[in-house]
Protein backbone atom coordinates (compact mmCIF):
# COMPACT_ATOMS: atom_id res chain seq x y z
CA MET A 1 -6.88 16.31 -5.09
CA LYS A 2 -3.94 14.74 -3.25
CA ASN A 3 -3.79 17.65 -0.82
CA ARG A 4 -7.54 17.77 -0.46
CA MET A 5 -7.76 14.07 0.29
CA ASN A 6 -4.95 14.40 2.82
CA LYS A 7 -6.74 17.26 4.57
CA LEU A 8 -9.99 15.36 4.64
CA LYS A 9 -8.62 12.09 6.00
CA ILE A 10 -9.94 12.95 9.42
CA SER A 11 -13.43 13.09 7.95
CA LEU A 12 -13.31 9.43 6.99
CA ALA A 13 -14.38 8.50 10.50
CA LEU A 14 -17.68 10.18 9.72
CA LEU A 15 -18.35 7.70 6.97
CA ALA A 16 -18.89 4.71 9.27
CA VAL A 17 -22.60 5.34 9.57
CA PHE A 18 -24.39 3.20 12.14
CA ALA A 19 -27.85 3.38 13.64
CA PHE A 20 -27.83 3.38 17.45
CA THR A 21 -30.75 1.71 19.19
CA VAL A 22 -31.46 0.74 22.78
CA ASN A 23 -33.71 -2.21 23.52
CA CYS A 24 -35.45 -1.08 26.67
CA SER A 25 -39.06 -1.15 27.79
CA ASP A 26 -38.74 2.09 29.69
CA ASP A 27 -39.45 4.95 27.22
CA ILE A 28 -37.38 7.40 29.16
CA LEU A 29 -34.29 5.32 28.43
CA ASP A 30 -35.16 4.91 24.75
CA GLN A 31 -33.37 8.09 23.71
CA PRO A 32 -30.99 8.71 20.78
CA ASN A 33 -27.34 9.03 21.64
CA PRO A 34 -26.41 12.63 20.74
CA ASN A 35 -22.81 11.52 20.10
CA ALA A 36 -23.71 8.72 17.68
CA LEU A 37 -23.54 9.54 14.00
CA THR A 38 -26.55 8.41 11.98
CA PRO A 39 -27.62 8.90 8.36
CA SER A 40 -30.21 11.45 9.47
CA SER A 41 -27.69 13.46 11.51
CA PHE A 42 -24.81 13.36 9.04
CA TRP A 43 -26.19 13.99 5.55
CA GLN A 44 -27.29 17.57 6.15
CA SER A 45 -25.09 19.96 4.18
CA ALA A 46 -22.97 20.48 1.09
CA GLU A 47 -19.93 19.95 3.31
CA ASP A 48 -21.31 16.54 4.32
CA ALA A 49 -21.85 15.64 0.68
CA GLU A 50 -18.25 16.63 -0.07
CA LYS A 51 -16.93 14.53 2.79
CA GLY A 52 -19.06 11.63 1.65
CA ILE A 53 -17.72 11.57 -1.89
CA ILE A 54 -14.10 11.97 -0.78
CA GLY A 55 -14.72 8.99 1.48
CA ALA A 56 -15.94 7.00 -1.52
CA TYR A 57 -12.59 7.56 -3.25
CA SER A 58 -10.64 6.58 -0.14
CA PRO A 59 -10.71 2.76 -0.51
CA LEU A 60 -8.90 3.09 -3.85
CA THR A 61 -5.75 4.15 -1.97
CA ASN A 62 -6.06 1.46 0.69
CA ILE A 63 -3.11 -0.94 0.78
CA LEU A 64 -5.73 -3.68 0.45
CA TYR A 65 -6.62 -2.28 -2.99
CA TYR A 66 -4.55 -0.24 -5.43
CA SER A 67 -1.88 0.88 -3.00
CA ARG A 68 -0.77 -2.73 -3.09
CA PHE A 69 -2.81 -5.93 -2.91
CA GLU A 70 -4.83 -5.57 -6.09
CA VAL A 71 -1.67 -6.28 -8.11
CA PHE A 72 -1.81 -9.95 -7.05
CA LEU A 73 -5.24 -10.29 -8.64
CA SER A 74 -4.28 -8.54 -11.87
CA ASP A 75 -0.68 -8.30 -13.12
CA TYR A 76 0.58 -11.26 -11.09
CA ARG A 77 -1.99 -13.47 -12.79
CA ASP A 78 -0.94 -12.70 -16.36
CA ASP A 79 1.57 -14.44 -18.62
CA VAL A 80 4.25 -11.75 -18.28
CA ILE A 81 4.94 -12.11 -14.56
CA ASN A 82 6.43 -15.25 -13.00
CA GLY A 83 5.96 -14.66 -9.28
CA PHE A 84 8.29 -16.17 -6.69
CA GLY A 85 7.04 -18.65 -4.11
CA THR A 86 3.70 -20.14 -3.16
CA SER A 87 2.44 -17.58 -0.67
CA ASP A 88 -1.08 -16.19 -0.67
CA ARG A 89 0.26 -13.40 -2.89
CA THR A 90 0.88 -15.79 -5.78
CA GLN A 91 -1.96 -18.27 -5.26
CA ALA A 92 -4.24 -16.54 -7.76
CA SER A 93 -1.50 -16.63 -10.40
CA TYR A 94 -1.22 -20.42 -10.29
CA PHE A 95 -5.00 -21.01 -10.00
CA ASN A 96 -4.96 -22.26 -6.42
CA THR A 97 -6.66 -19.44 -4.56
CA ASP A 98 -7.70 -20.26 -1.01
CA PRO A 99 -11.25 -18.94 -0.45
CA ALA A 100 -10.22 -18.17 3.13
CA GLY A 101 -7.01 -16.40 2.05
CA ASN A 102 -6.34 -12.75 2.75
CA PRO A 103 -5.77 -11.12 -0.68
CA ILE A 104 -9.12 -12.05 -2.21
CA LYS A 105 -10.94 -11.17 1.02
CA TRP A 106 -9.15 -7.85 1.37
CA VAL A 107 -9.54 -6.72 -2.24
CA TRP A 108 -13.21 -7.79 -2.34
CA GLN A 109 -13.75 -5.86 0.90
CA ALA A 110 -12.09 -2.69 -0.42
CA MET A 111 -14.06 -2.81 -3.68
CA TYR A 112 -17.35 -3.19 -1.85
CA GLN A 113 -16.37 -0.35 0.49
CA GLY A 114 -16.23 1.84 -2.59
CA VAL A 115 -19.62 0.54 -3.76
CA THR A 116 -21.19 1.02 -0.34
CA ARG A 117 -20.00 4.60 0.02
CA ALA A 118 -21.09 5.46 -3.50
CA ASN A 119 -24.51 4.01 -2.69
CA GLU A 120 -24.73 6.24 0.40
CA VAL A 121 -23.94 9.33 -1.69
CA LEU A 122 -26.44 8.43 -4.39
CA PHE A 123 -29.16 7.74 -1.82
CA ARG A 124 -28.59 10.68 0.56
CA VAL A 125 -27.20 13.60 -1.43
CA PRO A 126 -30.27 14.21 -3.66
CA ASP A 127 -32.16 15.35 -0.53
CA ILE A 128 -29.49 17.86 0.53
CA GLU A 129 -30.16 21.51 -0.33
CA MET A 130 -27.04 22.73 -2.10
CA ASP A 131 -25.75 24.23 -5.34
CA GLN A 132 -27.17 22.11 -8.15
CA THR A 133 -23.98 21.95 -10.23
CA THR A 134 -21.97 20.86 -7.22
CA LYS A 135 -24.61 18.27 -6.38
CA ASP A 136 -24.61 16.96 -9.96
CA ASN A 137 -20.82 16.66 -9.95
CA ILE A 138 -20.83 14.72 -6.67
CA LEU A 139 -23.57 12.39 -7.89
CA GLY A 140 -21.63 11.88 -11.12
CA GLU A 141 -18.55 10.92 -9.12
CA ALA A 142 -20.60 8.44 -7.10
CA HIS A 143 -21.99 6.85 -10.27
CA PHE A 144 -18.45 6.58 -11.64
CA ILE A 145 -16.96 5.11 -8.45
CA ARG A 146 -19.73 2.54 -8.17
CA ALA A 147 -19.33 1.52 -11.81
CA PHE A 148 -15.54 1.40 -11.51
CA ASN A 149 -15.69 -0.95 -8.53
CA TYR A 150 -18.40 -3.14 -10.00
CA PHE A 151 -16.36 -3.42 -13.20
CA ASN A 152 -13.46 -4.75 -11.12
CA LEU A 153 -15.63 -7.04 -9.03
CA LEU A 154 -17.33 -8.50 -12.09
CA ASN A 155 -14.08 -9.18 -13.95
CA ASN A 156 -12.42 -10.75 -10.94
CA TRP A 157 -15.31 -12.77 -9.51
CA ARG A 158 -18.07 -12.69 -12.16
CA ASN A 159 -20.82 -13.95 -9.81
CA ILE A 160 -21.30 -11.14 -7.33
CA PRO A 161 -24.05 -9.54 -5.27
CA LEU A 162 -25.47 -6.38 -6.86
CA ILE A 163 -26.24 -3.84 -4.14
CA THR A 164 -27.49 -0.40 -5.13
CA ILE A 165 -28.86 1.07 -1.88
CA PRO A 166 -27.30 1.69 1.54
CA PHE A 167 -26.92 -1.42 3.61
CA THR A 168 -29.07 0.11 6.33
CA GLU A 169 -31.95 0.23 3.84
CA ILE A 170 -31.84 -3.50 3.07
CA GLU A 171 -34.56 -5.28 5.03
CA ASP A 172 -32.93 -8.71 5.04
CA PRO A 173 -29.20 -8.69 4.19
CA GLN A 174 -29.09 -12.48 4.31
CA ALA A 175 -31.59 -12.59 1.45
CA ILE A 176 -29.02 -11.06 -0.90
CA VAL A 177 -28.12 -13.34 -3.82
CA GLN A 178 -25.61 -13.12 -6.64
CA ALA A 179 -26.77 -11.28 -9.72
CA ASP A 180 -26.59 -12.51 -13.27
CA PRO A 181 -23.49 -10.87 -14.82
CA SER A 182 -25.71 -9.21 -17.42
CA GLU A 183 -27.46 -7.29 -14.63
CA VAL A 184 -24.14 -6.01 -13.32
CA TRP A 185 -23.06 -4.96 -16.80
CA ALA A 186 -26.36 -3.11 -17.21
CA LEU A 187 -25.76 -1.17 -13.98
CA ILE A 188 -22.18 -0.36 -15.00
CA GLU A 189 -23.44 1.00 -18.31
CA SER A 190 -26.24 3.08 -16.75
CA ASP A 191 -23.92 4.44 -14.04
CA LEU A 192 -21.30 5.51 -16.58
CA GLN A 193 -23.91 7.03 -18.86
CA ALA A 194 -25.19 9.06 -15.92
CA ALA A 195 -21.65 9.97 -14.86
CA GLN A 196 -20.66 11.36 -18.23
CA THR A 197 -23.64 13.75 -18.19
CA LEU A 198 -23.15 14.86 -14.57
CA LEU A 199 -19.36 15.17 -14.38
CA PRO A 200 -17.32 18.15 -15.58
CA GLU A 201 -14.69 17.85 -18.31
CA SER A 202 -12.09 19.04 -15.82
CA TRP A 203 -11.71 20.24 -12.24
CA PRO A 204 -9.91 23.23 -10.72
CA SER A 205 -6.22 22.55 -10.10
CA ASP A 206 -6.74 21.90 -6.39
CA GLN A 207 -9.29 19.18 -7.28
CA THR A 208 -7.17 17.38 -9.88
CA GLY A 209 -7.66 13.64 -9.74
CA ARG A 210 -11.42 13.59 -9.32
CA ALA A 211 -13.34 11.67 -11.97
CA THR A 212 -14.25 13.57 -15.13
CA SER A 213 -16.72 13.06 -17.93
CA GLY A 214 -13.83 11.84 -20.07
CA ALA A 215 -13.04 9.09 -17.57
CA ALA A 216 -16.69 8.01 -17.56
CA ILE A 217 -16.83 7.94 -21.37
CA ALA A 218 -13.62 5.91 -21.62
CA TYR A 219 -14.76 3.35 -19.05
CA LEU A 220 -18.15 3.04 -20.73
CA GLY A 221 -16.33 2.27 -23.96
CA LYS A 222 -14.21 -0.28 -22.12
CA ALA A 223 -17.32 -1.89 -20.61
CA PHE A 224 -18.87 -2.18 -24.07
CA LEU A 225 -15.64 -3.63 -25.50
CA TYR A 226 -15.47 -6.26 -22.77
CA GLN A 227 -19.00 -7.32 -23.75
CA GLN A 228 -18.08 -7.38 -27.46
CA LYS A 229 -20.46 -4.51 -28.16
CA PHE A 230 -18.02 -3.16 -30.68
CA ALA A 231 -20.15 -0.48 -32.33
CA GLU A 232 -21.12 1.00 -28.96
CA ALA A 233 -17.51 0.84 -27.76
CA LYS A 234 -16.22 2.56 -30.89
CA ALA A 235 -18.75 5.38 -30.47
CA GLU A 236 -17.60 6.10 -26.91
CA PHE A 237 -13.91 6.03 -27.78
CA GLN A 238 -14.60 8.30 -30.74
CA LYS A 239 -16.04 10.87 -28.33
CA ILE A 240 -12.72 10.95 -26.49
CA ILE A 241 -10.66 11.14 -29.68
CA SER A 242 -12.84 13.89 -31.18
CA SER A 243 -12.95 15.97 -28.01
CA GLY A 244 -9.34 17.10 -28.28
CA ASN A 245 -9.11 17.03 -24.48
CA TYR A 246 -6.40 14.37 -24.39
CA GLN A 247 -3.18 13.67 -26.23
CA LEU A 248 -0.21 11.34 -26.08
CA MET A 249 2.71 12.64 -24.06
CA ASP A 250 5.78 13.11 -26.24
CA ASN A 251 7.80 10.91 -23.89
CA TYR A 252 6.30 7.52 -23.07
CA ALA A 253 8.20 7.37 -19.76
CA HIS A 254 6.44 10.47 -18.46
CA ASN A 255 3.31 8.41 -17.85
CA PHE A 256 4.95 6.52 -14.98
CA THR A 257 6.69 9.10 -12.83
CA GLU A 258 5.54 11.29 -9.98
CA GLU A 259 6.88 14.34 -11.78
CA PHE A 260 4.33 14.05 -14.59
CA GLU A 261 1.21 12.91 -12.77
CA ASN A 262 -2.24 13.82 -14.08
CA ASN A 263 -0.80 14.76 -17.45
CA ALA A 264 -2.47 15.35 -20.82
CA GLU A 265 -2.60 11.61 -21.56
CA SER A 266 -4.25 10.61 -18.31
CA LEU A 267 -8.00 10.08 -18.02
CA PHE A 268 -8.04 8.58 -14.53
CA GLU A 269 -5.37 7.88 -11.92
CA ILE A 270 -5.28 6.55 -8.39
CA GLN A 271 -4.00 9.52 -6.40
CA LEU A 272 -1.17 8.21 -4.23
CA ILE A 273 0.87 10.35 -1.90
CA ALA A 274 4.08 9.94 0.10
CA ASP A 275 2.66 11.75 3.11
CA GLY A 276 5.10 10.52 5.73
CA ASN A 277 2.60 8.09 7.22
CA GLY A 278 4.58 4.90 7.29
CA ALA A 279 1.95 2.74 8.96
CA TRP A 280 0.66 -0.22 6.99
CA GLY A 281 -1.89 1.60 4.90
CA GLY A 282 -5.59 1.36 5.42
CA ASP A 283 -8.84 3.22 5.08
CA ALA A 284 -8.30 5.44 8.09
CA PRO A 285 -6.53 8.67 9.07
CA ASN A 286 -2.75 8.58 9.50
CA ARG A 287 -2.34 5.51 7.34
CA GLY A 288 0.07 5.54 4.42
CA LYS A 289 -1.41 6.26 1.00
CA GLY A 290 1.74 5.81 -1.08
CA SER A 291 2.85 3.37 -3.77
CA GLY A 292 3.00 0.18 -1.76
CA TYR A 293 2.87 -2.00 -4.88
CA GLN A 294 6.34 -0.97 -6.09
CA PRO A 295 8.20 -3.60 -4.01
CA ASP A 296 6.31 -6.29 -5.93
CA PHE A 297 7.83 -5.12 -9.24
CA ALA A 298 11.31 -4.25 -8.01
CA PRO A 299 14.34 -6.32 -9.04
CA ALA A 300 15.84 -8.87 -6.65
CA GLY A 301 18.02 -7.14 -4.11
CA PHE A 302 15.90 -3.99 -4.15
CA THR A 303 12.89 -5.38 -2.32
CA ASN A 304 12.29 -7.46 0.78
CA GLN A 305 9.20 -9.03 -0.79
CA ASP A 306 9.07 -12.35 -2.62
CA GLY A 307 9.11 -10.50 -5.93
CA MET A 308 8.99 -11.84 -9.45
CA THR A 309 10.74 -12.17 -12.78
CA VAL A 310 9.48 -11.48 -16.27
CA ASN A 311 8.98 -14.41 -18.63
CA GLN A 312 11.43 -14.44 -21.54
CA TRP A 313 8.73 -14.45 -24.23
CA ALA A 314 7.60 -10.97 -23.15
CA LEU A 315 11.04 -9.41 -23.57
CA ASP A 316 11.42 -11.24 -26.89
CA LEU A 317 8.17 -9.69 -28.10
CA PHE A 318 9.43 -6.20 -27.30
CA LEU A 319 12.69 -6.96 -29.10
CA ASP A 320 11.13 -8.54 -32.19
CA GLU A 321 11.07 -5.27 -34.15
CA ARG A 322 13.21 -2.17 -34.20
CA THR A 323 12.46 1.53 -34.20
CA ILE A 324 12.67 3.67 -37.33
CA ASN A 325 16.25 4.36 -36.18
CA ASP A 326 17.05 0.62 -35.93
CA GLU A 327 17.11 0.67 -32.14
CA ILE A 328 15.26 -1.15 -29.35
CA ASP A 329 11.68 0.00 -28.73
CA PRO A 330 12.13 2.65 -25.98
CA ARG A 331 9.16 1.20 -24.10
CA THR A 332 11.33 -1.83 -23.35
CA PHE A 333 13.71 0.20 -21.18
CA VAL A 334 10.83 1.85 -19.36
CA THR A 335 9.12 -1.48 -18.68
CA PHE A 336 11.94 -3.98 -18.03
CA PHE A 337 15.37 -4.28 -16.42
CA TRP A 338 17.45 -6.89 -18.21
CA ASN A 339 20.98 -7.82 -19.23
CA THR A 340 21.87 -5.73 -22.28
CA ASN A 341 24.50 -3.23 -23.34
CA GLU A 342 22.34 -1.81 -26.12
CA THR A 343 20.94 1.70 -25.88
CA THR A 344 18.21 3.69 -27.59
CA THR A 345 18.24 7.42 -28.22
CA TYR A 346 14.76 8.72 -27.48
CA GLU A 347 13.41 12.21 -26.78
CA GLY A 348 16.90 13.59 -26.34
CA GLU A 349 17.97 10.88 -23.88
CA VAL A 350 20.12 7.78 -24.18
CA LEU A 351 18.08 4.97 -22.66
CA GLU A 352 19.94 2.13 -20.95
CA SER A 353 18.91 -0.82 -18.82
CA LYS A 354 19.19 0.81 -15.38
CA THR A 355 17.70 0.42 -11.92
CA TYR A 356 17.95 2.01 -8.47
CA LEU A 357 21.04 4.15 -7.84
CA ASP A 358 21.47 4.44 -11.61
CA GLN A 359 23.03 0.99 -11.74
CA SER A 360 23.32 -1.19 -14.83
CA TYR A 361 22.40 -4.85 -14.84
CA THR A 362 26.02 -5.99 -14.57
CA ASP A 363 26.60 -3.52 -11.73
CA VAL A 364 24.05 -5.51 -9.75
CA TYR A 365 24.18 -9.07 -11.04
CA ASP A 366 26.65 -11.49 -12.57
CA ALA A 367 27.50 -10.78 -16.20
CA SER A 368 26.03 -14.12 -17.24
CA ALA A 369 22.70 -13.61 -15.43
CA THR A 370 19.54 -13.81 -17.53
CA ASP A 371 16.68 -12.95 -15.18
CA ILE A 372 14.41 -10.13 -16.35
CA TYR A 373 12.78 -7.77 -13.84
CA GLY A 374 10.25 -4.97 -13.79
CA ASN A 375 11.15 -1.31 -14.14
CA LYS A 376 7.90 0.53 -14.84
CA TRP A 377 6.51 2.56 -11.89
CA LEU A 378 9.72 2.32 -9.83
CA ASP A 379 10.50 5.98 -10.52
CA TRP A 380 13.95 5.70 -8.96
CA GLU A 381 15.34 8.61 -10.99
CA PHE A 382 12.75 11.02 -9.63
CA ASN A 383 12.65 10.14 -5.94
CA GLY A 384 16.27 9.06 -5.49
CA LEU A 385 15.37 5.98 -3.46
CA SER A 386 18.07 3.35 -3.07
CA GLN A 387 15.53 0.50 -3.13
CA SER A 388 11.79 0.01 -3.18
CA LEU A 389 11.28 0.16 0.58
CA ALA A 390 13.96 2.69 1.44
CA GLU A 391 11.37 4.87 3.18
CA GLY A 392 8.89 2.19 4.16
CA TRP A 393 5.78 0.91 2.43
CA HIS A 394 4.61 4.33 1.35
CA GLY A 395 7.83 6.17 0.66
CA ALA A 396 6.89 6.93 -2.95
CA GLY A 397 3.85 8.87 -4.12
CA ASN A 398 3.82 7.85 -7.77
CA ASN A 399 0.21 7.78 -8.99
CA LEU A 400 -1.13 4.62 -10.59
CA ARG A 401 -2.49 5.47 -14.05
CA MET A 402 -5.67 3.50 -14.66
CA MET A 403 -6.80 4.88 -18.02
CA ARG A 404 -4.50 6.52 -20.55
CA TYR A 405 -5.29 8.00 -23.94
CA ALA A 406 -2.98 5.41 -25.50
CA ASP A 407 -5.27 2.68 -24.18
CA VAL A 408 -8.29 4.52 -25.61
CA LEU A 409 -6.60 4.58 -29.03
CA LEU A 410 -5.76 0.88 -28.85
CA MET A 411 -9.26 -0.06 -27.71
CA PHE A 412 -10.70 2.07 -30.50
CA ALA A 413 -8.45 0.28 -32.99
CA GLU A 414 -9.67 -3.07 -31.66
CA ALA A 415 -13.35 -2.14 -31.84
CA GLU A 416 -12.90 -0.70 -35.32
CA PHE A 417 -10.98 -3.78 -36.46
CA GLU A 418 -13.75 -6.07 -35.20
CA LEU A 419 -16.26 -4.01 -37.18
CA SER A 420 -14.35 -3.14 -40.34
CA GLY A 421 -11.08 -5.05 -40.39
CA SER A 422 -7.83 -3.33 -41.25
CA SER A 423 -9.43 0.05 -41.93
CA ALA A 424 -7.75 3.42 -42.21
CA ALA A 425 -9.30 4.47 -38.88
CA ALA A 426 -7.96 1.42 -37.05
CA LEU A 427 -4.51 1.88 -38.57
CA ASP A 428 -4.43 5.58 -37.70
CA ALA A 429 -5.27 4.91 -34.06
CA ILE A 430 -2.67 2.19 -33.46
CA ASN A 431 -0.03 4.02 -35.50
CA GLN A 432 -0.36 7.09 -33.28
CA VAL A 433 0.68 4.92 -30.34
CA ARG A 434 3.54 3.37 -32.29
CA ALA A 435 4.78 6.71 -33.63
CA ARG A 436 5.18 8.06 -30.11
CA ALA A 437 7.65 5.21 -29.49
CA ASP A 438 9.43 5.76 -32.85
CA MET A 439 8.07 2.46 -34.14
CA PRO A 440 7.36 2.07 -37.87
CA ALA A 441 3.75 2.42 -38.97
CA PHE A 442 1.63 -0.58 -39.82
CA THR A 443 0.30 -0.64 -43.38
CA SER A 444 -2.14 -3.44 -42.61
CA LEU A 445 -3.45 -4.83 -39.37
CA THR A 446 -4.30 -8.17 -37.76
CA MET A 447 -5.84 -8.89 -34.39
CA LYS A 448 -2.49 -10.28 -33.25
CA ASP A 449 -0.90 -6.91 -34.08
CA ILE A 450 -3.39 -5.25 -31.74
CA GLU A 451 -2.85 -7.84 -29.01
CA ASP A 452 0.94 -7.47 -29.23
CA GLU A 453 0.78 -3.68 -29.23
CA ARG A 454 -1.27 -3.78 -26.04
CA ILE A 455 1.49 -5.81 -24.39
CA LYS A 456 4.20 -3.39 -25.48
CA GLU A 457 2.24 -0.31 -24.46
CA LEU A 458 0.41 -1.49 -21.34
CA THR A 459 2.45 -4.19 -19.56
CA PHE A 460 2.21 -3.80 -15.75
CA GLU A 461 -0.85 -1.56 -16.10
CA ARG A 462 -3.49 -4.01 -14.83
CA THR A 463 -4.77 -4.90 -18.31
CA ARG A 464 -3.09 -8.04 -19.66
CA TYR A 465 -4.83 -10.75 -17.61
CA PHE A 466 -8.23 -9.23 -18.25
CA ASP A 467 -7.47 -8.97 -21.97
CA LEU A 468 -6.75 -12.71 -22.00
CA LEU A 469 -9.92 -13.34 -20.00
CA ARG A 470 -12.20 -11.38 -22.33
CA TRP A 471 -10.56 -12.99 -25.38
CA ASP A 472 -11.13 -16.43 -23.80
CA LYS A 473 -7.41 -17.18 -23.94
CA VAL A 474 -6.51 -17.84 -20.30
CA VAL A 475 -6.41 -21.61 -20.73
CA ASP A 476 -4.55 -21.60 -24.05
CA VAL A 477 -2.02 -18.96 -23.08
CA ILE A 478 -1.42 -19.55 -19.36
CA VAL A 479 -2.86 -22.87 -18.17
CA ASN A 480 -1.34 -24.82 -21.07
CA ASN A 481 2.07 -23.23 -20.48
CA PRO A 482 2.98 -24.08 -16.87
CA ASP A 483 6.54 -22.79 -17.31
CA LEU A 484 5.07 -19.29 -17.17
CA LYS A 485 4.50 -19.93 -13.46
CA SER A 486 7.60 -22.06 -12.87
CA ARG A 487 8.83 -19.85 -10.01
CA SER A 488 5.75 -20.73 -7.98
CA ALA A 489 3.68 -23.87 -8.61
CA GLY A 490 3.00 -24.16 -12.30
CA THR A 491 -0.63 -24.36 -13.40
CA SER A 492 -1.65 -27.92 -12.46
CA ALA A 493 -4.12 -26.63 -9.86
CA TYR A 494 -6.32 -25.19 -12.59
CA LYS A 495 -9.91 -26.40 -12.84
CA PRO A 496 -12.58 -25.00 -15.18
CA GLY A 497 -13.93 -21.85 -13.62
CA ARG A 498 -10.71 -20.82 -11.90
CA GLU A 499 -10.16 -18.09 -14.44
CA TYR A 500 -12.16 -16.17 -11.83
CA MET A 501 -11.44 -15.74 -8.15
CA ALA A 502 -13.04 -17.76 -5.38
CA ILE A 503 -15.83 -15.99 -3.51
CA PRO A 504 -14.29 -15.15 -0.10
CA GLN A 505 -15.20 -17.79 2.46
CA ASN A 506 -16.26 -15.26 5.08
CA GLU A 507 -18.92 -13.96 2.66
CA LEU A 508 -20.26 -17.48 2.16
CA ASP A 509 -20.26 -18.08 5.92
CA GLN A 510 -22.28 -14.94 6.57
CA ASN A 511 -24.83 -15.45 3.81
CA PRO A 512 -26.01 -18.98 2.97
CA ASN A 513 -27.58 -17.73 -0.27
CA LEU A 514 -24.21 -17.03 -1.85
CA VAL A 515 -22.75 -19.79 -4.01
CA GLN A 516 -19.05 -20.50 -4.50
CA ASN A 517 -17.69 -20.07 -8.03
CA ASP A 518 -17.07 -23.13 -10.19
CA GLY A 519 -13.76 -24.89 -9.64
CA TYR A 520 -13.39 -24.21 -5.93
């Protein structure tokens, strides 16, 4: 799909659909502009439907979304990352988000772009005469994309407008109000249920990366889990497990490199590409669609961004148990860069704490240094880059994995544990994940075991903050431990309600019916 999306970038201009009208009393002047694109002139053919759905994916690779800025509303807010400075990039992490600030405005905008374009597809494509299977697949993708974006909007802002038709079909846009969260959850569920029936299990190789029925099933299970609908969640995850369509990669590290994108463990990825377009990425042709978030994980000295360190407790958690060979959990080396001389033999390799240019910690920093940095996603071995911005913002094309089979197994284990405690099924699921990392099997299970395993398996994968949020632990874990944000401004700015983002001020200015979230 990378190549297909690259080829179709020029078609994105067709997706800005506007009605052209002339206010004139003379009928002869009241004529349609033949050069203006309208819904009635665009949505005519199967090719138009294809362009429309590719355009609905496009915001995901915008630098204002997953290419970069989304990371400040997810990983940077959790208890693992201690971001440097008090810029608008770290405001959300220390609970002092400016409603007029750029990151929340930009990410909100990109998410609603995805919703809007999915709405256009769902409204227009049913009337296009085309192959029914192709039409069903495209409609399934639109249901998935809309649900995916609403899931993100709901978990970041909670109180959001629920729009399900094209904007041009809304009689009074200023009458839009925020929906009850239960209504948004209901739409997410119905969209994902529709998507799993309309989407294929897989796509031809030149379409790899498009949403599949497996992705829809997994996200439906995740939506149920977030609502504590444990039986429903378990049933969806069981579909994935029983299908045999996915499996854990033998090597954990292969989930985070460009070389092994769209592998057997992956259910959905953001398709990023180092296409040579170095411009600051956006939702337009000739804008970079590469991994612009990598500089925000890179160790000091390998990025020109403010950057971050990892809080000591997180490394300690990884180190608190040893592999079956009495070595460090191999996931630690994949995830972190820290001061150690220890190694782990894993999948025929000797893992060491290394970073760009194959340098050890003491090659880069003083031997007494103790700062801990990120390593996951940097992919320096594959692309040979000397630092995170060696070839500009989009010099790396490493896909961002959004849903892995390992996460499905861990979410299944959680749902099963909530229903049946430390059952054989829950143990089997979590032990599959541990076995891949050469970690000893659990013989009994607690909820803390599940929580800790999610940290070890999924750190820097946009999950941790939202786990804390759904477990109602943000205050206990982050707010009450200001040292976790000591590199910025602590947590004293917290007020009840600031677990969620502020509604962007420009949205409030444009629509007086929208209400700011509590705490702002």
